[in-house]
């Protein structure tokens, strides 16, 4: 139970945590850890996605200006970029398909399209692997906070029954603990939902750019097949 002699006006966040029982403390600690986890993902993954978006745009500009694709690919292989890996996958399939004695042009185009699309999809999936964590926290944290709220209110009613007194000194600690759990749950959930939607938008832009690059590269290799066939 709460220490009923405690001054209601001294219910700081730390005091509310110290006055909480084991379950209340567990809820608060869980939500605080979730909040730290969310902000870590926001900072680290946000910087990563922003850097990938800039690198992809720069790579695409440089690629279409390059005269020798093979040499450009060799120079770019040292860069850690999704677009570089998509390019390497396409060139790898091109070399394997065009070194055969008889080249099936239709088959080469189909395999190139499949390889480029698959490589782009793999890169997008890899970049989005942390988004499900934000979505989970954003959807679960409010309910965990609600559980803490209900538990704190239950303790308030228990304190009223035990003391036979409904004064503010008896009720306030449990209500404060309940509202504190709600606030922490929202503090963890709101940034997670906002970041999830923002990252999803950024990831969609990266996916669209990789898809455009894949289509353009596929068209370029298709034209090369037509020239070789003449």
C-alpha atoms as a PDB file:
ATOM      1  CA  UNK A   1       0.000   0.000   0.000  1.00  0.00           C
ATOM      2  CA  UNK A   2       0.909   3.647  -0.268  1.00  0.00           C
ATOM      3  CA  UNK A   3       2.486   5.478   2.580  1.00  0.00           C
ATOM      4  CA  UNK A   4      -0.580   7.500   3.534  1.00  0.00           C
ATOM      5  CA  UNK A   5       1.503   9.953   5.481  1.00  0.00           C
ATOM      6  CA  UNK A   6       3.206  11.100   2.290  1.00  0.00           C
ATOM      7  CA  UNK A   7       2.503  14.645   1.201  1.00  0.00           C
ATOM      8  CA  UNK A   8       0.209  14.610  -1.826  1.00  0.00           C
ATOM      9  CA  UNK A   9       1.974  17.650  -3.244  1.00  0.00           C
ATOM     10  CA  UNK A  10       5.299  15.786  -3.259  1.00  0.00           C
ATOM     11  CA  UNK A  11       4.150  13.204  -5.790  1.00  0.00           C
ATOM     12  CA  UNK A  12       6.911  13.714  -8.305  1.00  0.00           C
ATOM     13  CA  UNK A  13       7.462  11.052 -11.009  1.00  0.00           C
ATOM     14  CA  UNK A  14      10.193   9.489  -8.875  1.00  0.00           C
ATOM     15  CA  UNK A  15       7.958   9.521  -5.799  1.00  0.00           C
ATOM     16  CA  UNK A  16       5.104   7.923  -7.740  1.00  0.00           C
ATOM     17  CA  UNK A  17       7.462   5.209  -8.948  1.00  0.00           C
ATOM     18  CA  UNK A  18       8.783   4.549  -5.448  1.00  0.00           C
ATOM     19  CA  UNK A  19       5.262   4.413  -3.994  1.00  0.00           C
ATOM     20  CA  UNK A  20       4.060   1.950  -6.629  1.00  0.00           C
ATOM     21  CA  UNK A  21       3.858  -1.749  -5.845  1.00  0.00           C
ATOM     22  CA  UNK A  22       5.777  -4.453  -7.699  1.00  0.00           C
ATOM     23  CA  UNK A  23       3.318  -4.668 -10.613  1.00  0.00           C
ATOM     24  CA  UNK A  24       3.114  -0.909 -10.983  1.00  0.00           C
ATOM     25  CA  UNK A  25       6.894  -0.603 -10.983  1.00  0.00           C
ATOM     26  CA  UNK A  26       7.166  -3.407 -13.554  1.00  0.00           C
ATOM     27  CA  UNK A  27       4.716  -1.591 -15.863  1.00  0.00           C
ATOM     28  CA  UNK A  28       6.557   1.718 -15.522  1.00  0.00           C
ATOM     29  CA  UNK A  29       9.981   0.135 -16.100  1.00  0.00           C
ATOM     30  CA  UNK A  30       8.688  -1.781 -19.119  1.00  0.00           C
ATOM     31  CA  UNK A  31       7.275   1.365 -20.679  1.00  0.00           C
ATOM     32  CA  UNK A  32      10.417   3.381 -19.959  1.00  0.00           C
ATOM     33  CA  UNK A  33      12.573   0.697 -21.601  1.00  0.00           C
ATOM     34  CA  UNK A  34      10.207   0.652 -24.581  1.00  0.00           C
ATOM     35  CA  UNK A  35      10.504   4.432 -24.862  1.00  0.00           C
ATOM     36  CA  UNK A  36      14.309   4.285 -24.787  1.00  0.00           C
ATOM     37  CA  UNK A  37      14.209   1.515 -27.378  1.00  0.00           C
ATOM     38  CA  UNK A  38      11.908   3.568 -29.623  1.00  0.00           C
ATOM     39  CA  UNK A  39      14.071   6.684 -29.473  1.00  0.00           C
ATOM     40  CA  UNK A  40      17.203   4.635 -30.172  1.00  0.00           C
ATOM     41  CA  UNK A  41      15.590   3.207 -33.303  1.00  0.00           C
ATOM     42  CA  UNK A  42      14.334   6.651 -34.331  1.00  0.00           C
ATOM     43  CA  UNK A  43      17.793   8.225 -34.087  1.00  0.00           C
ATOM     44  CA  UNK A  44      19.843   5.369 -35.551  1.00  0.00           C
ATOM     45  CA  UNK A  45      17.431   4.158 -38.232  1.00  0.00           C
ATOM     46  CA  UNK A  46      16.347   7.671 -39.146  1.00  0.00           C
ATOM     47  CA  UNK A  47      19.922   8.656 -39.930  1.00  0.00           C
ATOM     48  CA  UNK A  48      20.457   5.433 -41.835  1.00  0.00           C
ATOM     49  CA  UNK A  49      17.400   5.858 -44.056  1.00  0.00           C
ATOM     50  CA  UNK A  50      18.251   9.489 -44.748  1.00  0.00           C
ATOM     51  CA  UNK A  51      21.796   8.524 -45.732  1.00  0.00           C
ATOM     52  CA  UNK A  52      20.563   5.672 -47.948  1.00  0.00           C
ATOM     53  CA  UNK A  53      18.129   7.998 -49.715  1.00  0.00           C
ATOM     54  CA  UNK A  54      20.895  10.528 -50.433  1.00  0.00           C
ATOM     55  CA  UNK A  55      23.341   7.824 -51.553  1.00  0.00           C
ATOM     56  CA  UNK A  56      20.747   6.254 -53.856  1.00  0.00           C
ATOM     57  CA  UNK A  57      19.963   9.567 -55.517  1.00  0.00           C
ATOM     58  CA  UNK A  58      23.660  10.356 -55.950  1.00  0.00           C
ATOM     59  CA  UNK A  59      24.421   6.873 -57.281  1.00  0.00           C
ATOM     60  CA  UNK A  60      21.664   7.086 -59.866  1.00  0.00           C
ATOM     61  CA  UNK A  61      22.878  10.458 -61.122  1.00  0.00           C
ATOM     62  CA  UNK A  62      26.446   9.179 -61.418  1.00  0.00           C
ATOM     63  CA  UNK A  63      25.393   5.939 -63.077  1.00  0.00           C
ATOM     64  CA  UNK A  64      23.508   7.540 -65.946  1.00  0.00           C
ATOM     65  CA  UNK A  65      26.433   9.875 -66.582  1.00  0.00           C
ATOM     66  CA  UNK A  66      28.956   7.017 -66.679  1.00  0.00           C
ATOM     67  CA  UNK A  67      30.151   5.835 -70.086  1.00  0.00           C
ATOM     68  CA  UNK A  68      31.456   2.412 -69.052  1.00  0.00           C
ATOM     69  CA  UNK A  69      29.027   0.446 -66.878  1.00  0.00           C
ATOM     70  CA  UNK A  70      31.497  -2.313 -66.057  1.00  0.00           C
ATOM     71  CA  UNK A  71      34.143   0.122 -64.869  1.00  0.00           C
ATOM     72  CA  UNK A  72      31.593   2.169 -62.961  1.00  0.00           C
ATOM     73  CA  UNK A  73      30.338  -0.968 -61.224  1.00  0.00           C
ATOM     74  CA  UNK A  74      33.882  -1.933 -60.257  1.00  0.00           C
ATOM     75  CA  UNK A  75      34.563   1.517 -58.795  1.00  0.00           C
ATOM     76  CA  UNK A  76      31.217   1.617 -56.992  1.00  0.00           C
ATOM     77  CA  UNK A  77      31.571  -1.875 -55.493  1.00  0.00           C
ATOM     78  CA  UNK A  78      33.336  -0.400 -52.469  1.00  0.00           C
ATOM     79  CA  UNK A  79      30.254   1.636 -51.555  1.00  0.00           C
ATOM     80  CA  UNK A  80      27.705   0.260 -49.108  1.00  0.00           C
ATOM     81  CA  UNK A  81      24.557   1.151 -50.999  1.00  0.00           C
ATOM     82  CA  UNK A  82      21.388  -0.748 -51.957  1.00  0.00           C
ATOM     83  CA  UNK A  83      21.611   0.584 -55.509  1.00  0.00           C
ATOM     84  CA  UNK A  84      25.161  -0.779 -55.837  1.00  0.00           C
ATOM     85  CA  UNK A  85      23.966  -4.242 -54.835  1.00  0.00           C
ATOM     86  CA  UNK A  86      21.059  -4.063 -57.276  1.00  0.00           C
ATOM     87  CA  UNK A  87      23.507  -3.101 -60.034  1.00  0.00           C
ATOM     88  CA  UNK A  88      25.861  -5.936 -59.089  1.00  0.00           C
ATOM     89  CA  UNK A  89      23.006  -8.462 -59.140  1.00  0.00           C
ATOM     90  CA  UNK A  90      21.903  -7.307 -62.593  1.00  0.00           C
ATOM     91  CA  UNK A  91      25.411  -7.361 -64.037  1.00  0.00           C
ATOM     92  CA  UNK A  92      26.054 -10.792 -62.523  1.00  0.00           C
ATOM     93  CA  UNK A  93      22.983 -12.224 -64.230  1.00  0.00           C
ATOM     94  CA  UNK A  94      23.915 -10.441 -67.476  1.00  0.00           C
ATOM     95  CA  UNK A  95      27.371 -12.039 -67.515  1.00  0.00           C
ATOM     96  CA  UNK A  96      26.021 -15.499 -66.726  1.00  0.00           C
ATOM     97  CA  UNK A  97      23.318 -15.278 -69.384  1.00  0.00           C
ATOM     98  CA  UNK A  98      25.342 -13.768 -72.245  1.00  0.00           C
ATOM     99  CA  UNK A  99      28.422 -15.977 -72.006  1.00  0.00           C
ATOM    100  CA  UNK A 100      26.522 -19.033 -73.250  1.00  0.00           C
ATOM    101  CA  UNK A 101      27.092 -20.255 -76.816  1.00  0.00           C
ATOM    102  CA  UNK A 102      23.456 -19.583 -77.696  1.00  0.00           C
ATOM    103  CA  UNK A 103      21.791 -16.601 -76.059  1.00  0.00           C
ATOM    104  CA  UNK A 104      18.058 -16.794 -75.482  1.00  0.00           C
ATOM    105  CA  UNK A 105      17.203 -13.100 -75.599  1.00  0.00           C
ATOM    106  CA  UNK A 106      13.684 -13.459 -74.259  1.00  0.00           C
ATOM    107  CA  UNK A 107      14.936 -15.673 -71.429  1.00  0.00           C
ATOM    108  CA  UNK A 108      17.721 -13.218 -70.620  1.00  0.00           C
ATOM    109  CA  UNK A 109      15.221 -10.366 -70.347  1.00  0.00           C
ATOM    110  CA  UNK A 110      12.981 -12.378 -68.049  1.00  0.00           C
ATOM    111  CA  UNK A 111      15.836 -13.459 -65.817  1.00  0.00           C
ATOM    112  CA  UNK A 112      17.232  -9.937 -65.665  1.00  0.00           C
ATOM    113  CA  UNK A 113      13.844  -8.552 -64.651  1.00  0.00           C
ATOM    114  CA  UNK A 114      13.434 -11.217 -61.963  1.00  0.00           C
ATOM    115  CA  UNK A 115      16.934 -10.709 -60.559  1.00  0.00           C
ATOM    116  CA  UNK A 116      16.703  -6.902 -60.510  1.00  0.00           C
ATOM    117  CA  UNK A 117      13.253  -6.917 -58.926  1.00  0.00           C
ATOM    118  CA  UNK A 118      14.337  -9.492 -56.364  1.00  0.00           C
ATOM    119  CA  UNK A 119      17.491  -7.572 -55.459  1.00  0.00           C
ATOM    120  CA  UNK A 120      15.546  -4.322 -55.037  1.00  0.00           C
ATOM    121  CA  UNK A 121      12.910  -6.077 -52.904  1.00  0.00           C
ATOM    122  CA  UNK A 122      15.607  -7.633 -50.699  1.00  0.00           C
ATOM    123  CA  UNK A 123      17.204  -4.244 -50.106  1.00  0.00           C
ATOM    124  CA  UNK A 124      13.890  -2.631 -49.191  1.00  0.00           C
ATOM    125  CA  UNK A 125      13.058  -5.522 -46.860  1.00  0.00           C
ATOM    126  CA  UNK A 126      16.431  -5.208 -45.161  1.00  0.00           C
ATOM    127  CA  UNK A 127      15.996  -1.465 -44.669  1.00  0.00           C
ATOM    128  CA  UNK A 128      12.516  -1.935 -43.231  1.00  0.00           C
ATOM    129  CA  UNK A 129      13.345  -4.686 -40.741  1.00  0.00           C
ATOM    130  CA  UNK A 130      13.150  -2.305 -37.752  1.00  0.00           C
ATOM    131  CA  UNK A 131       9.809  -0.778 -38.697  1.00  0.00           C
ATOM    132  CA  UNK A 132       7.844  -3.686 -37.247  1.00  0.00           C
ATOM    133  CA  UNK A 133       9.395  -2.929 -33.855  1.00  0.00           C
ATOM    134  CA  UNK A 134       8.068   0.628 -33.967  1.00  0.00           C
ATOM    135  CA  UNK A 135       4.661  -0.620 -35.045  1.00  0.00           C
ATOM    136  CA  UNK A 136       4.608  -3.122 -32.175  1.00  0.00           C
ATOM    137  CA  UNK A 137       5.492  -0.529 -29.548  1.00  0.00           C
ATOM    138  CA  UNK A 138       3.045   1.964 -31.047  1.00  0.00           C
ATOM    139  CA  UNK A 139       0.182  -0.499 -30.828  1.00  0.00           C
ATOM    140  CA  UNK A 140       1.014  -2.267 -27.545  1.00  0.00           C
ATOM    141  CA  UNK A 141       2.361   0.527 -25.305  1.00  0.00           C
ATOM    142  CA  UNK A 142      -1.020   2.290 -24.834  1.00  0.00           C
ATOM    143  CA  UNK A 143      -2.580  -0.972 -23.654  1.00  0.00           C
ATOM    144  CA  UNK A 144       0.278  -1.607 -21.233  1.00  0.00           C
ATOM    145  CA  UNK A 145      -0.193   1.925 -19.936  1.00  0.00           C
ATOM    146  CA  UNK A 146      -3.925   1.275 -19.663  1.00  0.00           C
ATOM    147  CA  UNK A 147      -3.214  -1.813 -17.596  1.00  0.00           C
ATOM    148  CA  UNK A 148      -1.089   0.322 -15.264  1.00  0.00           C
ATOM    149  CA  UNK A 149      -3.918   2.845 -15.111  1.00  0.00           C
ATOM    150  CA  UNK A 150      -6.482   0.217 -14.145  1.00  0.00           C
ATOM    151  CA  UNK A 151      -4.110  -1.268 -11.598  1.00  0.00           C
ATOM    152  CA  UNK A 152      -3.471   2.117  -9.980  1.00  0.00           C
ATOM    153  CA  UNK A 153      -7.199   2.853  -9.747  1.00  0.00           C
ATOM    154  CA  UNK A 154      -7.810  -0.564  -8.217  1.00  0.00           C
ATOM    155  CA  UNK A 155      -5.183   0.225  -5.577  1.00  0.00           C
ATOM    156  CA  UNK A 156      -6.899   3.536  -4.870  1.00  0.00           C
ATOM    157  CA  UNK A 157     -10.195   1.790  -4.214  1.00  0.00           C
ATOM    158  CA  UNK A 158      -8.397  -0.764  -2.065  1.00  0.00           C
ATOM    159  CA  UNK A 159      -6.842   2.081  -0.047  1.00  0.00           C
ATOM    160  CA  UNK A 160     -10.284   3.669   0.428  1.00  0.00           C
ATOM    161  CA  UNK A 161     -11.713   0.370   1.663  1.00  0.00           C
ATOM    162  CA  UNK A 162      -8.808  -0.255   4.016  1.00  0.00           C
ATOM    163  CA  UNK A 163      -8.781   3.234   5.526  1.00  0.00           C
ATOM    164  CA  UNK A 164     -12.542   3.819   5.399  1.00  0.00           C
ATOM    165  CA  UNK A 165     -11.590   7.237   4.167  1.00  0.00           C
ATOM    166  CA  UNK A 166     -12.026   8.789   0.713  1.00  0.00           C
ATOM    167  CA  UNK A 167      -9.941  11.894   1.351  1.00  0.00           C
ATOM    168  CA  UNK A 168      -7.477  13.170  -1.216  1.00  0.00           C
ATOM    169  CA  UNK A 169      -4.516  11.902   0.800  1.00  0.00           C
ATOM    170  CA  UNK A 170      -5.798   8.350   0.386  1.00  0.00           C
ATOM    171  CA  UNK A 171      -6.960   8.511  -3.237  1.00  0.00           C
ATOM    172  CA  UNK A 172      -4.379  10.799  -4.825  1.00  0.00           C
ATOM    173  CA  UNK A 173      -1.333   8.459  -4.827  1.00  0.00           C
ATOM    174  CA  UNK A 174      -3.127   5.650  -6.665  1.00  0.00           C
ATOM    175  CA  UNK A 175      -4.747   8.027  -9.157  1.00  0.00           C
ATOM    176  CA  UNK A 176      -1.420   9.756  -9.745  1.00  0.00           C
ATOM    177  CA  UNK A 177       0.284   6.415 -10.337  1.00  0.00           C
ATOM    178  CA  UNK A 178      -2.487   5.440 -12.748  1.00  0.00           C
ATOM    179  CA  UNK A 179      -2.166   8.648 -14.757  1.00  0.00           C
ATOM    180  CA  UNK A 180       1.622   8.373 -14.677  1.00  0.00           C
ATOM    181  CA  UNK A 181       1.439   4.926 -16.310  1.00  0.00           C
ATOM    182  CA  UNK A 182      -0.891   6.303 -18.972  1.00  0.00           C
ATOM    183  CA  UNK A 183       1.461   9.202 -19.691  1.00  0.00           C
ATOM    184  CA  UNK A 184       4.497   6.936 -20.062  1.00  0.00           C
ATOM    185  CA  UNK A 185       2.547   4.607 -22.341  1.00  0.00           C
ATOM    186  CA  UNK A 186       1.637   7.514 -24.611  1.00  0.00           C
ATOM    187  CA  UNK A 187       5.198   8.855 -24.414  1.00  0.00           C
ATOM    188  CA  UNK A 188       6.404   5.543 -25.839  1.00  0.00           C
ATOM    189  CA  UNK A 189       3.570   5.031 -28.344  1.00  0.00           C
ATOM    190  CA  UNK A 190       3.209   8.456 -29.965  1.00  0.00           C
ATOM    191  CA  UNK A 191       6.835   8.820 -31.170  1.00  0.00           C
ATOM    192  CA  UNK A 192       6.762   5.190 -32.344  1.00  0.00           C
ATOM    193  CA  UNK A 193       3.668   5.754 -34.504  1.00  0.00           C
ATOM    194  CA  UNK A 194       4.914   9.068 -35.902  1.00  0.00           C
ATOM    195  CA  UNK A 195       8.346   7.614 -36.692  1.00  0.00           C
ATOM    196  CA  UNK A 196       6.797   4.491 -38.231  1.00  0.00           C
ATOM    197  CA  UNK A 197       4.709   6.544 -40.654  1.00  0.00           C
ATOM    198  CA  UNK A 198       7.626   8.824 -41.486  1.00  0.00           C
ATOM    199  CA  UNK A 199      10.043   5.952 -42.054  1.00  0.00           C
ATOM    200  CA  UNK A 200       7.448   4.133 -44.143  1.00  0.00           C
ATOM    201  CA  UNK A 201       7.181   7.197 -46.370  1.00  0.00           C
ATOM    202  CA  UNK A 202      10.967   7.452 -46.721  1.00  0.00           C
ATOM    203  CA  UNK A 203      11.242   3.725 -47.424  1.00  0.00           C
ATOM    204  CA  UNK A 204       8.563   4.058 -50.099  1.00  0.00           C
ATOM    205  CA  UNK A 205      10.599   6.770 -51.815  1.00  0.00           C
ATOM    206  CA  UNK A 206      13.718   4.596 -51.720  1.00  0.00           C
ATOM    207  CA  UNK A 207      11.755   1.636 -53.066  1.00  0.00           C
ATOM    208  CA  UNK A 208      10.342   3.731 -55.921  1.00  0.00           C
ATOM    209  CA  UNK A 209      13.792   5.021 -56.835  1.00  0.00           C
ATOM    210  CA  UNK A 210      15.297   1.528 -56.805  1.00  0.00           C
ATOM    211  CA  UNK A 211      12.417   0.301 -58.967  1.00  0.00           C
ATOM    212  CA  UNK A 212      12.973   3.113 -61.484  1.00  0.00           C
ATOM    213  CA  UNK A 213      16.685   2.370 -61.560  1.00  0.00           C
ATOM    214  CA  UNK A 214      16.011  -1.350 -62.071  1.00  0.00           C
ATOM    215  CA  UNK A 215      13.606  -0.637 -64.934  1.00  0.00           C
ATOM    216  CA  UNK A 216      16.041   1.755 -66.594  1.00  0.00           C
ATOM    217  CA  UNK A 217      18.963  -0.632 -66.214  1.00  0.00           C
ATOM    218  CA  UNK A 218      16.856  -3.481 -67.579  1.00  0.00           C
ATOM    219  CA  UNK A 219      15.883  -1.375 -70.584  1.00  0.00           C
ATOM    220  CA  UNK A 220      19.533  -0.491 -71.221  1.00  0.00           C
ATOM    221  CA  UNK A 221      20.595  -4.141 -71.153  1.00  0.00           C
ATOM    222  CA  UNK A 222      17.666  -5.068 -73.398  1.00  0.00           C
ATOM    223  CA  UNK A 223      18.868  -2.552 -75.982  1.00  0.00           C
ATOM    224  CA  UNK A 224      22.335  -4.053 -75.691  1.00  0.00           C
ATOM    225  CA  UNK A 225      20.844  -7.474 -76.474  1.00  0.00           C
ATOM    226  CA  UNK A 226      19.167  -6.073 -79.582  1.00  0.00           C
ATOM    227  CA  UNK A 227      22.435  -4.562 -80.807  1.00  0.00           C
ATOM    228  CA  UNK A 228      24.262  -7.855 -80.263  1.00  0.00           C
ATOM    229  CA  UNK A 229      21.574  -9.700 -82.208  1.00  0.00           C
ATOM    230  CA  UNK A 230      21.958  -7.550 -85.302  1.00  0.00           C
END
